[in-house]
Protein backbone atom coordinates (compact mmCIF):
# COMPACT_ATOMS: atom_id res chain seq x y z
CA UNK A 1 -29.84 -4.95 13.48
CA UNK A 2 -26.36 -3.90 15.09
CA UNK A 3 -23.77 -3.05 12.23
CA UNK A 4 -21.06 -5.49 12.93
CA UNK A 5 -23.83 -8.66 12.55
CA UNK A 6 -24.47 -7.34 9.09
CA UNK A 7 -21.08 -5.81 7.56
CA UNK A 8 -22.98 -5.15 4.17
CA UNK A 9 -25.93 -3.39 5.37
CA UNK A 10 -27.28 -0.79 2.90
CA UNK A 11 -27.85 2.63 4.20
CA UNK A 12 -30.05 5.53 3.99
CA UNK A 13 -29.57 8.91 5.21
CA UNK A 14 -32.46 8.32 7.79
CA UNK A 15 -30.06 6.29 9.47
CA UNK A 16 -27.81 9.01 10.46
CA UNK A 17 -30.03 11.69 12.32
CA UNK A 18 -28.80 15.27 12.72
CA UNK A 19 -26.10 15.10 9.93
CA UNK A 20 -27.64 17.63 7.44
CA UNK A 21 -27.01 21.20 7.13
CA UNK A 22 -28.14 23.25 4.26
CA UNK A 23 -25.35 24.13 1.71
CA UNK A 24 -25.96 27.69 2.29
CA UNK A 25 -24.85 27.41 6.10
CA UNK A 26 -22.29 24.82 5.41
CA UNK A 27 -18.71 26.17 6.16
CA UNK A 28 -16.74 25.43 2.69
CA UNK A 29 -13.14 24.92 1.64
CA UNK A 30 -11.78 25.50 -1.74
CA UNK A 31 -9.82 22.29 -3.16
CA UNK A 32 -5.87 22.50 -3.82
CA UNK A 33 -6.30 22.61 -7.76
CA UNK A 34 -8.88 25.19 -7.42
CA UNK A 35 -7.08 27.61 -5.22
CA UNK A 36 -4.00 27.08 -7.22
CA UNK A 37 -5.60 27.88 -10.50
CA UNK A 38 -7.18 30.80 -8.91
CA UNK A 39 -10.91 29.83 -10.06
CA UNK A 40 -12.70 30.37 -7.40
CA UNK A 41 -13.93 33.93 -8.07
CA UNK A 42 -11.31 35.38 -5.35
CA UNK A 43 -12.17 32.96 -2.45
CA UNK A 44 -8.91 32.18 -0.53
CA UNK A 45 -8.14 29.01 0.91
CA UNK A 46 -9.81 28.33 3.99
CA UNK A 47 -12.48 30.65 3.38
CA UNK A 48 -16.30 30.19 3.74
CA UNK A 49 -18.68 30.43 0.62
CA UNK A 50 -20.20 33.64 1.97
CA UNK A 51 -19.80 36.86 -0.15
CA UNK A 52 -22.11 39.60 -0.90
CA UNK A 53 -24.03 37.12 -3.45
CA UNK A 54 -24.67 34.60 -0.80
CA UNK A 55 -25.71 36.74 1.99
CA UNK A 56 -28.86 38.64 3.00
CA UNK A 57 -28.85 42.37 3.98
CA UNK A 58 -28.72 41.34 7.72
CA UNK A 59 -25.40 39.18 6.96
CA UNK A 60 -27.26 36.01 7.02
CA UNK A 61 -26.98 33.56 4.45
CA UNK A 62 -29.40 33.69 1.45
CA UNK A 63 -31.97 30.60 1.04
CA UNK A 64 -33.85 29.21 -1.44
CA UNK A 65 -37.27 28.90 -1.84
CA UNK A 66 -37.28 25.40 0.41
CA UNK A 67 -35.16 26.93 2.58
CA UNK A 68 -32.29 25.10 1.46
CA UNK A 69 -30.45 25.33 -1.73
CA UNK A 70 -29.40 28.83 -2.80
CA UNK A 71 -28.65 29.42 -6.62
CA UNK A 72 -25.30 31.60 -5.96
CA UNK A 73 -24.13 28.89 -3.58
CA UNK A 74 -24.63 26.36 -6.04
CA UNK A 75 -22.94 28.19 -8.66
CA UNK A 76 -19.97 28.76 -6.56
CA UNK A 77 -19.83 24.82 -5.86
CA UNK A 78 -20.13 24.23 -9.69
CA UNK A 79 -17.05 26.86 -10.36
CA UNK A 80 -15.11 24.59 -8.01
CA UNK A 81 -16.23 21.32 -9.69
CA UNK A 82 -15.34 23.05 -13.30
CA UNK A 83 -11.93 23.71 -12.30
CA UNK A 84 -11.16 20.37 -10.66
CA UNK A 85 -12.60 18.77 -14.00
CA UNK A 86 -10.52 20.81 -16.28
CA UNK A 87 -7.26 19.42 -14.07
CA UNK A 88 -8.49 15.66 -14.28
CA UNK A 89 -9.34 15.35 -17.84
CA UNK A 90 -12.75 13.43 -17.53
CA UNK A 91 -16.00 15.36 -17.72
CA UNK A 92 -19.25 13.43 -17.38
CA UNK A 93 -22.16 13.32 -14.86
CA UNK A 94 -20.32 10.68 -12.84
CA UNK A 95 -16.79 12.60 -12.75
CA UNK A 96 -18.58 15.80 -11.73
CA UNK A 97 -20.70 14.08 -8.95
CA UNK A 98 -17.37 12.18 -7.71
CA UNK A 99 -15.83 15.54 -7.44
CA UNK A 100 -18.69 16.88 -5.24
CA UNK A 101 -18.25 13.68 -3.14
CA UNK A 102 -14.70 14.64 -2.80
CA UNK A 103 -15.76 18.25 -1.75
CA UNK A 104 -18.30 16.96 1.13
CA UNK A 105 -15.64 14.80 2.64
CA UNK A 106 -13.29 17.30 2.72
CA UNK A 107 -15.49 19.59 4.57
CA UNK A 108 -16.24 16.73 6.85
CA UNK A 109 -12.58 16.67 7.43
CA UNK A 110 -10.58 14.05 9.17
CA UNK A 111 -12.22 12.25 12.32
CA UNK A 112 -12.88 9.24 14.21
CA UNK A 113 -13.97 7.06 11.12
CA UNK A 114 -10.80 7.94 9.10
CA UNK A 115 -8.46 7.14 11.93
CA UNK A 116 -9.66 3.72 12.74
CA UNK A 117 -9.49 3.12 8.67
CA UNK A 118 -6.00 4.10 9.01
CA UNK A 119 -5.27 1.20 11.44
CA UNK A 120 -7.35 -1.28 9.40
CA UNK A 121 -5.58 -0.33 6.31
CA UNK A 122 -2.30 -0.74 8.29
CA UNK A 123 -2.91 -4.27 8.75
CA UNK A 124 -2.66 -4.70 4.90
CA UNK A 125 0.60 -3.36 5.03
CA UNK A 126 1.66 -5.13 8.09
CA UNK A 127 0.38 -8.56 6.57
CA UNK A 128 2.32 -7.97 3.26
CA UNK A 129 5.69 -7.57 4.92
CA UNK A 130 4.95 -10.12 7.52
CA UNK A 131 4.23 -12.87 5.04
CA UNK A 132 7.41 -12.02 2.65
CA UNK A 133 9.58 -12.25 6.03
CA UNK A 134 7.69 -15.38 6.83
CA UNK A 135 8.51 -17.06 3.56
CA UNK A 136 12.07 -16.07 3.95
CA UNK A 137 12.49 -17.37 7.56
CA UNK A 138 10.82 -20.91 6.14
CA UNK A 139 13.37 -21.31 3.26
CA UNK A 140 15.92 -23.28 5.73
CA UNK A 141 13.27 -25.60 7.24
CA UNK A 142 11.83 -26.37 3.78
CA UNK A 143 15.38 -27.28 2.65
CA UNK A 144 15.93 -29.49 6.01
CA UNK A 145 12.35 -31.40 5.55
CA UNK A 146 11.94 -31.72 1.75
CA UNK A 147 15.49 -31.78 0.21
CA UNK A 148 15.69 -29.15 -2.29
CA UNK A 149 19.20 -27.37 -2.34
CA UNK A 150 19.52 -24.17 -0.33
CA UNK A 151 19.74 -22.33 -3.82
CA UNK A 152 16.65 -24.08 -5.47
CA UNK A 153 14.49 -23.60 -2.45
CA UNK A 154 14.20 -19.88 -3.42
CA UNK A 155 11.83 -20.76 -6.24
CA UNK A 156 9.58 -20.66 -2.99
CA UNK A 157 9.96 -17.01 -3.15
CA UNK A 158 9.25 -17.13 -7.01
CA UNK A 159 5.99 -18.58 -6.53
CA UNK A 160 4.98 -16.16 -3.81
CA UNK A 161 5.59 -13.22 -6.02
CA UNK A 162 3.72 -14.91 -9.04
CA UNK A 163 0.93 -14.85 -6.60
CA UNK A 164 1.62 -11.38 -5.36
CA UNK A 165 1.40 -10.03 -9.25
CA UNK A 166 -1.63 -11.98 -9.98
CA UNK A 167 -3.39 -10.68 -6.97
CA UNK A 168 -2.23 -7.22 -7.28
CA UNK A 169 -3.72 -7.03 -10.82
CA UNK A 170 -7.14 -8.94 -9.97
CA UNK A 171 -8.02 -7.22 -6.80
CA UNK A 172 -7.08 -3.62 -8.48
CA UNK A 173 -9.81 -4.47 -11.07
CA UNK A 174 -12.32 -6.43 -8.82
CA UNK A 175 -12.46 -3.69 -6.31
CA UNK A 176 -13.75 -1.09 -9.27
CA UNK A 177 -16.22 -3.87 -10.54
CA UNK A 178 -17.43 -5.84 -7.16
CA UNK A 179 -16.71 -3.08 -4.87
CA UNK A 180 -13.92 -1.91 -2.39
CA UNK A 181 -15.72 -3.50 0.75
CA UNK A 182 -15.53 -6.76 -0.73
CA UNK A 183 -12.13 -6.62 -1.89
CA UNK A 184 -10.91 -5.22 1.44
CA UNK A 185 -12.11 -8.13 3.27
CA UNK A 186 -11.34 -11.04 0.97
CA UNK A 187 -7.77 -10.03 0.64
CA UNK A 188 -6.90 -10.79 4.48
CA UNK A 189 -9.52 -13.62 4.60
CA UNK A 190 -7.87 -15.25 1.51
CA UNK A 191 -4.36 -14.77 3.19
CA UNK A 192 -5.57 -16.12 6.56
CA UNK A 193 -6.89 -19.24 5.29
CA UNK A 194 -3.90 -20.27 3.00
CA UNK A 195 -1.78 -19.25 5.88
CA UNK A 196 -3.25 -21.63 8.07
CA UNK A 197 -3.17 -24.37 5.42
CA UNK A 198 0.41 -23.78 4.84
CA UNK A 199 1.15 -25.44 8.22
CA UNK A 200 0.03 -28.78 6.72
CA UNK A 201 2.04 -28.74 3.57
CA UNK A 202 3.08 -32.20 2.86
CA UNK A 203 5.68 -31.62 0.05
CA UNK A 204 8.04 -29.02 -1.27
CA UNK A 205 5.81 -28.40 -4.56
CA UNK A 206 2.39 -28.41 -2.69
CA UNK A 207 3.82 -25.66 -0.08
CA UNK A 208 4.92 -23.39 -3.08
CA UNK A 209 1.28 -23.87 -4.57
CA UNK A 210 -0.05 -22.56 -0.81
CA UNK A 211 2.28 -19.88 -0.89
CA UNK A 212 1.28 -18.87 -4.42
CA UNK A 213 -2.62 -18.89 -3.39
CA UNK A 214 -1.67 -16.96 -0.30
CA UNK A 215 0.34 -14.22 -2.47
CA UNK A 216 -3.17 -13.89 -4.37
CA UNK A 217 -4.66 -12.72 -1.24
CA UNK A 218 -1.65 -10.53 0.05
CA UNK A 219 -1.24 -8.97 -3.60
CA UNK A 220 -4.54 -7.05 -3.25
CA UNK A 221 -3.83 -5.36 -0.15
CA UNK A 222 -1.46 -2.52 -0.82
CA UNK A 223 -3.67 -1.49 -4.18
CA UNK A 224 -6.85 -1.89 -2.69
CA UNK A 225 -6.27 -0.49 0.96
CA UNK A 226 -4.44 2.19 -0.46
CA UNK A 227 -7.10 3.27 -2.81
CA UNK A 228 -10.06 2.53 -0.04
CA UNK A 229 -8.15 4.84 2.25
CA UNK A 230 -7.81 7.82 -0.14
CA UNK A 231 -11.23 7.86 -1.29
CA UNK A 232 -12.32 8.18 2.44
CA UNK A 233 -9.80 10.73 3.41
CA UNK A 234 -10.04 14.55 2.78
CA UNK A 235 -7.67 15.72 0.11
CA UNK A 236 -5.68 17.71 3.16
CA UNK A 237 -4.92 14.61 5.00
CA UNK A 238 -3.92 12.33 2.03
CA UNK A 239 -0.06 12.56 3.04
CA UNK A 240 -1.17 10.07 5.62
CA UNK A 241 -1.03 7.28 2.92
CA UNK A 242 2.87 7.62 3.18
CA UNK A 243 2.79 7.11 7.11
CA UNK A 244 1.00 3.70 6.20
CA UNK A 245 4.41 2.63 5.38
CA UNK A 246 5.18 2.67 9.11
CA UNK A 247 3.22 -0.70 9.39
CA UNK A 248 5.61 -2.11 6.99
CA UNK A 249 8.48 -2.67 9.46
CA UNK A 250 6.33 -3.36 12.02
CA UNK A 251 5.11 -6.45 10.17
CA UNK A 252 8.63 -7.60 9.69
CA UNK A 253 9.54 -7.08 13.44
CA UNK A 254 6.21 -9.24 14.46
CA UNK A 255 7.20 -12.31 12.09
CA UNK A 256 10.79 -12.25 13.17
CA UNK A 257 10.10 -12.49 16.79
CA UNK A 258 7.65 -15.24 16.48
CA UNK A 259 10.44 -16.92 14.12
CA UNK A 260 12.82 -16.85 16.90
CA UNK A 261 10.76 -18.65 19.30
CA UNK A 262 9.60 -21.57 16.96
CA UNK A 263 12.53 -21.95 14.72
CA UNK A 264 15.17 -21.85 17.43
CA UNK A 265 13.34 -24.81 19.41
CA UNK A 266 11.62 -26.51 16.69
CA UNK A 267 14.05 -26.82 13.66
CA UNK A 268 16.30 -29.53 12.72
CA UNK A 269 19.91 -29.04 12.75
CA UNK A 270 20.83 -27.56 9.28
CA UNK A 271 23.86 -30.30 8.91
CA UNK A 272 21.07 -33.23 8.69
CA UNK A 273 19.69 -34.40 5.36
CA UNK A 274 16.15 -34.35 4.42
CA UNK A 275 14.37 -38.05 5.29
CA UNK A 276 13.04 -37.84 1.78
CA UNK A 277 16.34 -38.07 0.14
CA UNK A 278 18.52 -39.51 2.82
CA UNK A 279 19.92 -43.04 2.46
CA UNK A 280 18.92 -46.08 4.52
CA UNK A 281 19.93 -45.95 7.90
CA UNK A 282 21.24 -42.31 7.83
CA UNK A 283 20.46 -39.89 10.34
CA UNK A 284 17.82 -37.34 8.70
CA UNK A 285 15.63 -34.37 9.24
CA UNK A 286 11.93 -35.67 10.06
CA UNK A 287 8.77 -33.72 9.85
CA UNK A 288 8.22 -34.28 13.70
CA UNK A 289 11.74 -32.80 14.59
CA UNK A 290 10.85 -29.81 12.06
CA UNK A 291 7.61 -28.49 13.07
CA UNK A 292 8.86 -24.94 13.75
CA UNK A 293 8.21 -23.46 10.25
CA UNK A 294 4.63 -25.08 10.31
CA UNK A 295 4.08 -23.46 13.77
CA UNK A 296 5.22 -20.30 12.40
CA UNK A 297 2.93 -20.13 9.38
CA UNK A 298 -0.13 -21.09 11.61
CA UNK A 299 0.40 -18.32 14.10
CA UNK A 300 1.05 -15.85 11.22
CA UNK A 301 -2.09 -17.10 9.35
CA UNK A 302 -3.80 -16.97 12.78
CA UNK A 303 -2.76 -13.45 13.11
CA UNK A 304 -3.97 -12.48 9.86
CA UNK A 305 -7.43 -13.91 10.13
CA UNK A 306 -7.76 -12.21 13.47
CA UNK A 307 -6.90 -9.24 11.30
CA UNK A 308 -9.71 -10.06 9.02
CA UNK A 309 -12.01 -10.54 11.98
CA UNK A 310 -11.30 -7.02 13.24
CA UNK A 311 -12.04 -5.49 9.51
CA UNK A 312 -15.24 -7.48 9.02
CA UNK A 313 -16.77 -7.63 12.44
CA UNK A 314 -15.76 -5.15 14.81
CA UNK A 315 -15.61 -2.16 12.38
CA UNK A 316 -18.45 -1.24 9.85
CA UNK A 317 -16.81 -0.28 6.62
CA UNK A 318 -19.18 1.81 4.42
CA UNK A 319 -18.96 1.07 0.73
CA UNK A 320 -17.12 3.50 -1.32
CA UNK A 321 -19.32 6.33 -1.97
CA UNK A 322 -17.37 6.69 -5.60
CA UNK A 323 -17.97 2.88 -6.25
CA UNK A 324 -21.73 3.05 -5.23
CA UNK A 325 -22.22 6.36 -7.60
CA UNK A 326 -20.42 4.42 -10.48
CA UNK A 327 -23.00 1.72 -10.16
CA UNK A 328 -25.77 4.14 -10.19
CA UNK A 329 -26.36 3.75 -6.37
CA UNK A 330 -26.44 7.66 -5.93
CA UNK A 331 -28.88 7.45 -2.90
CA UNK A 332 -26.79 5.00 -1.00
CA UNK A 333 -23.64 7.24 -1.91
CA UNK A 334 -24.96 10.27 0.00
CA UNK A 335 -25.82 8.07 3.09
CA UNK A 336 -22.34 6.74 3.04
CA UNK A 337 -21.13 10.51 3.53
CA UNK A 338 -23.85 10.94 5.96
CA UNK A 339 -22.47 7.96 8.03
CA UNK A 340 -18.76 9.51 7.93
CA UNK A 341 -20.30 12.69 9.26
CA UNK A 342 -22.22 10.84 11.63
CA UNK A 343 -19.29 8.84 13.01
CA UNK A 344 -17.06 12.16 13.22
CA UNK A 345 -19.96 13.82 15.01
CA UNK A 346 -19.89 16.46 12.31
CA UNK A 347 -22.48 17.62 9.78
CA UNK A 348 -22.46 17.49 5.63
CA UNK A 349 -24.02 19.49 3.30
CA UNK A 350 -24.61 16.76 0.57
CA UNK A 351 -27.75 15.40 -0.77
CA UNK A 352 -28.96 14.20 -3.85
CA UNK A 353 -30.71 17.22 -4.96
CA UNK A 354 -26.94 18.74 -4.62
CA UNK A 355 -25.56 16.14 -6.79
CA UNK A 356 -28.28 16.37 -9.35
CA UNK A 357 -27.79 20.20 -9.63
CA UNK A 358 -24.21 19.70 -10.37
CA UNK A 359 -24.19 16.45 -12.57
CA UNK A 360 -27.85 16.48 -13.59
CA UNK A 361 -30.61 14.02 -12.41
CA UNK A 362 -29.88 10.08 -12.96
CA UNK A 363 -33.17 9.55 -14.85
CA UNK A 364 -32.36 11.99 -17.51
CA UNK A 365 -28.54 12.01 -17.84
CA UNK A 366 -27.03 8.75 -19.22
CA UNK A 367 -23.52 8.67 -17.98
CA UNK A 368 -23.79 8.56 -14.13
CA UNK A 369 -23.54 5.08 -14.06
CA UNK A 370 -20.51 3.33 -15.45
CA UNK A 371 -20.53 0.18 -17.13
CA UNK A 372 -18.24 -3.02 -16.07
CA UNK A 373 -16.88 -2.47 -19.62
CA UNK A 374 -15.96 1.44 -18.86
CA UNK A 375 -14.80 0.81 -15.56
CA UNK A 376 -12.22 -1.92 -16.78
CA UNK A 377 -11.18 0.56 -19.87
CA UNK A 378 -10.57 3.24 -17.23
CA UNK A 379 -8.60 1.06 -14.89
CA UNK A 380 -6.29 0.18 -17.97
CA UNK A 381 -6.57 3.54 -19.65
CA UNK A 382 -4.17 4.42 -16.76
CA UNK A 383 -1.29 2.68 -19.04
CA UNK A 384 -2.55 4.15 -22.35
CA UNK A 385 -0.40 6.46 -24.53
CA UNK A 386 -2.40 9.19 -23.82
CA UNK A 387 -2.13 8.98 -19.94
CA UNK A 388 1.67 8.20 -20.25
CA UNK A 389 2.58 11.16 -22.48
CA UNK A 390 1.95 13.83 -19.92
CA UNK A 391 4.48 12.58 -17.81
CA UNK A 392 6.86 13.40 -20.27
CA UNK A 393 5.15 16.83 -21.46
CA UNK A 394 8.54 19.06 -20.27
CA UNK A 395 12.00 17.74 -20.48
CA UNK A 396 12.40 18.09 -16.44
CA UNK A 397 8.99 16.13 -15.81
CA UNK A 398 10.02 13.24 -18.47
CA UNK A 399 13.81 13.03 -16.80
CA UNK A 400 11.83 12.94 -13.49
CA UNK A 401 9.51 10.12 -14.46
CA UNK A 402 12.43 7.72 -16.35
CA UNK A 403 14.43 8.23 -13.18
CA UNK A 404 11.90 7.29 -10.57
CA UNK A 405 10.42 4.15 -12.68
CA UNK A 406 14.26 3.35 -12.98
CA UNK A 407 14.75 3.47 -9.20
CA UNK A 408 11.51 1.37 -8.63
CA UNK A 409 12.57 -1.06 -11.06
CA UNK A 410 16.18 -1.63 -9.61
CA UNK A 411 15.06 -1.46 -5.86
CA UNK A 412 12.31 -3.84 -6.43
CA UNK A 413 15.06 -6.13 -7.54
CA UNK A 414 17.73 -5.19 -5.20
CA UNK A 415 15.42 -5.46 -1.93
CA UNK A 416 14.09 -9.04 -2.27
CA UNK A 417 17.63 -10.39 -3.49
CA UNK A 418 19.04 -9.84 -0.08
CA UNK A 419 15.96 -9.49 2.52
CA UNK A 420 14.00 -12.44 1.07
CA UNK A 421 16.93 -14.90 1.62
CA UNK A 422 18.40 -13.21 4.58
CA UNK A 423 18.16 -16.17 7.04
CA UNK A 424 19.91 -18.21 4.52
CA UNK A 425 23.01 -15.49 4.77
CA UNK A 426 22.88 -15.45 8.17
CA UNK A 427 23.04 -19.32 8.34
CA UNK A 428 25.77 -19.00 5.80
CA UNK A 429 24.27 -21.65 3.64
CA UNK A 430 26.11 -23.06 0.65
CA UNK A 431 29.55 -21.76 2.00
CA UNK A 432 32.31 -23.99 3.13
CA UNK A 433 32.05 -22.92 6.61
CA UNK A 434 29.96 -24.52 9.21
CA UNK A 435 26.30 -23.47 9.53
CA UNK A 436 25.28 -20.74 12.11
CA UNK A 437 23.28 -22.58 14.86
CA UNK A 438 19.65 -21.65 14.53
CA UNK A 439 19.52 -20.10 17.99
CA UNK A 440 22.02 -17.39 16.58
CA UNK A 441 20.47 -17.10 13.00
CA UNK A 442 16.94 -16.09 14.41
CA UNK A 443 18.20 -13.99 17.06
CA UNK A 444 19.94 -11.61 14.66
CA UNK A 445 17.47 -11.84 12.35
CA UNK A 446 15.09 -10.58 15.06
CA UNK A 447 17.72 -7.98 16.19
CA UNK A 448 17.84 -6.72 12.43
CA UNK A 449 14.07 -6.05 12.33
CA UNK A 450 13.95 -4.55 15.47
CA UNK A 451 16.78 -2.03 14.52
CA UNK A 452 15.15 -1.26 11.40
CA UNK A 453 11.78 -0.13 12.84
CA UNK A 454 12.91 3.72 13.66
CA UNK A 455 13.89 4.10 10.06
CA UNK A 456 10.60 4.76 8.63
CA UNK A 457 9.66 7.15 11.73
CA UNK A 458 12.79 9.16 10.89
CA UNK A 459 12.17 9.22 7.16
CA UNK A 460 8.96 10.97 7.77
CA UNK A 461 10.71 13.97 9.51
CA UNK A 462 13.94 14.38 7.86
CA UNK A 463 12.33 14.74 4.59
CA UNK A 464 11.11 17.95 5.63
CA UNK A 465 14.57 19.55 6.95
CA UNK A 466 15.91 22.19 5.11
CA UNK A 467 18.44 21.65 2.67
CA UNK A 468 18.13 17.97 2.97
CA UNK A 469 14.28 17.16 1.83
CA UNK A 470 13.54 14.34 -0.11
CA UNK A 471 16.29 14.24 -2.34
CA UNK A 472 18.89 14.28 0.29
CA UNK A 473 17.19 11.97 2.55
CA UNK A 474 16.60 9.44 -0.30
CA UNK A 475 20.06 9.96 -1.74
CA UNK A 476 21.94 9.59 1.53
CA UNK A 477 20.16 6.53 2.86
CA UNK A 478 20.36 4.52 -0.63
CA UNK A 479 24.20 5.15 -0.81
CA UNK A 480 24.74 3.89 2.73
CA UNK A 481 22.56 0.90 1.97
CA UNK A 482 24.22 -0.09 -0.91
CA UNK A 483 27.55 -0.02 0.85
CA UNK A 484 26.61 -1.76 3.79
CA UNK A 485 25.22 -4.66 1.46
CA UNK A 486 28.82 -5.04 -0.02
CA UNK A 487 30.44 -4.48 3.82
CA UNK A 488 28.06 -7.54 4.84
CA UNK A 489 29.64 -10.18 2.51
CA UNK A 490 33.02 -9.40 4.06
CA UNK A 491 33.18 -11.94 6.94
CA UNK A 492 31.13 -15.15 7.83
CA UNK A 493 31.31 -14.00 11.52
CA UNK A 494 27.83 -13.91 13.02
CA UNK A 495 28.43 -10.75 15.34
CA UNK A 496 29.60 -8.98 11.98
CA UNK A 497 27.08 -10.07 9.72
CA UNK A 498 24.38 -8.64 12.90
CA UNK A 499 26.33 -5.54 12.71
CA UNK A 500 25.92 -4.71 8.82
CA UNK A 501 22.52 -6.34 8.43
CA UNK A 502 21.20 -4.25 11.33
CA UNK A 503 22.53 -1.05 9.80
CA UNK A 504 21.31 -1.89 6.52
CA UNK A 505 17.84 -2.56 7.57
CA UNK A 506 17.68 0.85 9.62
CA UNK A 507 19.01 3.01 6.34
CA UNK A 508 16.71 0.61 4.22
CA UNK A 509 13.42 1.54 5.64
CA UNK A 510 14.45 5.27 5.42
CA UNK A 511 14.95 4.75 1.83
CA UNK A 512 11.81 3.06 1.14
CA UNK A 513 9.73 5.42 3.61
CA UNK A 514 10.76 8.33 1.22
CA UNK A 515 10.16 6.32 -1.85
CA UNK A 516 6.82 5.69 -1.03
CA UNK A 517 6.33 9.62 -0.04
CA UNK A 518 8.15 11.45 -3.06
CA UNK A 519 7.02 9.10 -5.86
CA UNK A 520 3.22 10.46 -5.87
CA UNK A 521 4.53 14.12 -5.22
CA UNK A 522 6.58 14.54 -8.43
CA UNK A 523 3.79 13.43 -10.60
CA UNK A 524 1.08 15.76 -11.74
CA UNK A 525 -2.41 15.01 -10.17
CA UNK A 526 -4.22 14.08 -13.47
CA UNK A 527 -1.49 11.60 -14.36
CA UNK A 528 -0.62 10.47 -11.00
CA UNK A 529 -1.97 7.36 -10.88
CA UNK A 530 -0.59 6.16 -13.96
CA UNK A 531 3.06 7.24 -12.80
CA UNK A 532 2.63 5.55 -9.52
CA UNK A 533 0.86 2.47 -11.33
CA UNK A 534 3.86 1.94 -13.52
CA UNK A 535 6.27 2.44 -10.86
CA UNK A 536 4.74 -0.05 -8.80
CA UNK A 537 4.04 -2.73 -11.70
CA UNK A 538 7.80 -2.24 -12.37
CA UNK A 539 8.70 -3.01 -8.74
CA UNK A 540 6.43 -6.21 -8.82
CA UNK A 541 7.94 -7.56 -12.16
CA UNK A 542 11.43 -6.98 -10.69
CA UNK A 543 10.73 -8.72 -7.42
CA UNK A 544 9.18 -11.63 -9.53
CA UNK A 545 12.86 -12.08 -11.31
CA UNK A 546 14.90 -11.65 -7.98
CA UNK A 547 14.56 -15.22 -6.88
CA UNK A 548 15.69 -16.42 -10.29
CA UNK A 549 18.70 -14.41 -10.05
CA UNK A 550 19.37 -15.49 -6.96
CA UNK A 551 19.15 -19.21 -7.78
CA UNK A 552 21.28 -18.87 -10.86
CA UNK A 553 23.95 -16.40 -9.17
CA UNK A 554 23.89 -18.04 -5.81
CA UNK A 555 25.20 -21.59 -7.51
CA UNK A 556 28.12 -19.69 -8.97
CA UNK A 557 28.80 -17.72 -5.74
CA UNK A 558 26.72 -17.66 -2.35
CA UNK A 559 27.37 -14.00 -1.92
CA UNK A 560 26.65 -13.47 -5.60
CA UNK A 561 23.02 -12.44 -4.87
CA UNK A 562 24.05 -9.78 -2.23
CA UNK A 563 26.80 -8.51 -4.66
CA UNK A 564 23.96 -7.78 -7.18
CA UNK A 565 21.67 -6.57 -4.43
CA UNK A 566 24.27 -4.08 -3.81
CA UNK A 567 24.72 -2.99 -7.22
CA UNK A 568 21.26 -2.34 -8.10
CA UNK A 569 20.90 -0.28 -4.90
CA UNK A 570 23.92 2.09 -5.79
CA UNK A 571 22.46 2.20 -9.29
CA UNK A 572 19.35 3.58 -7.88
CA UNK A 573 21.61 6.14 -5.93
CA UNK A 574 22.93 7.24 -9.16
CA UNK A 575 19.75 7.84 -10.50
CA UNK A 576 18.66 9.72 -7.45
CA UNK A 577 21.54 12.12 -7.73
CA UNK A 578 20.24 13.35 -11.07
CA UNK A 579 16.64 13.99 -9.69
CA UNK A 580 15.46 17.29 -11.07
CA UNK A 581 12.50 17.88 -8.74
CA UNK A 582 12.57 18.43 -5.07
CA UNK A 583 9.34 18.47 -3.63
CA UNK A 584 9.87 19.83 -0.08
CA UNK A 585 7.57 22.71 1.09
CA UNK A 586 5.71 22.58 -2.25
CA UNK A 587 1.93 21.60 -2.71
CA UNK A 588 1.43 18.86 -4.81
CA UNK A 589 -1.00 19.32 -7.95
């Protein structure tokens, strides 16, 4: 049966012929941790595992009795695993075999399968921001049709963020229990279905509920896609996780261009009152005259559903080998590695015999399969005192950790305070001046999105420039972003606002691009998941509070949310100036 017809097909190594090579013949490369600690018996980074103990008199590799496994080669591999285990802090049969799987993927290297996965994981980043922008673009239309005030309608964004928080928490755990493959596909499926359903919203409260349900799907994209991508990518190429952030501004661009077409031509005049609250005989905004936001959501929902179809039917995603291993499905985990080698036209040395030699026979060793309770405990253990304490082991690291979390918290609220309501600001909603025409509002929003795209690419290169690095790039871009936010409020002129919103988008994308790259680099490997997990959690919580602040502050002064956004971004800049760690040119451990 073709793979695209059966996306959940289970595999055996016999499905992938000519992919196996004996370990003693394989080209091996030490891990970063092992090479750094110098625990590979003198083997240099990039060297093959062939020394005087593993070579015969004629220079060829020694083979074991079966022509496959050589004890010395296995011992070299075991020494490598021991070094990695010491760095990770977990030591049982599952962890040892998981490290072996990491080695096998590293030896296969980056190839066709991983690059296809890069694009499909990029869909998650793209969908995340595309929908956040769609919600922002929809707010003025919801006010026109259903009648909530320009400030109260911002609770729509709050409902979306509630769904995002629930989705991020639920799918993070569910992917460890039900499998990465199911979670990877279901997040976009739910987003597509509820995105299409939003187009039929019959009331403001009902539409908020649909956006919350949409958020449950979208919220799982970043944690699930990021974890899945890392589990299939060799450690030497894990920096590509940072490059995934390039898809973020592309999502905003797509949403804004589609909105420009629909909301310019199919939206009520902002001066009209909603028919639901209009006086009898008063000219009002009806559903038939305000279909643009529905067309927008249906189109974005359809795009999201097409991305789901590409993931589910046009690409065969292997289940994560680490998940299979954790559920006691060792043979399938080995078959998955062979499948990756087959896709990449490479060979692999991994086999059940190698796994058993390092981690023990699953019929004898009891701690290969992880129970559901153990999996959930491990997930939440990232936030335990024992996992957090090492992040404050030294004064320098503790200071860096606290400042980095502070930046994620302040930027997490500052970013949506401006960007989640930018169409309203461009429309001058709530101000005494006349509303800006729809054609100008959505044209300017699209231009702002276009100007912001190069920021992520520029950040990718400037972080490695001497004397600038991560600290210089993120500090300068954050400072300029904060200043531009205050300048944006000086005039209600559309051309003036366009200039400063475009510049703000450009430098803001540089800031976020570096933040995503810098954060995991400053934390030590054994506690990196904890450090980045708490940073992400703080970011989402702050984002959830942003609409509430925007509603309350916007009631007093329409510009108040922008002032708050600028102040929070500048507070993050001050923290960045105190960063004690620069990671440019240094290997993360």
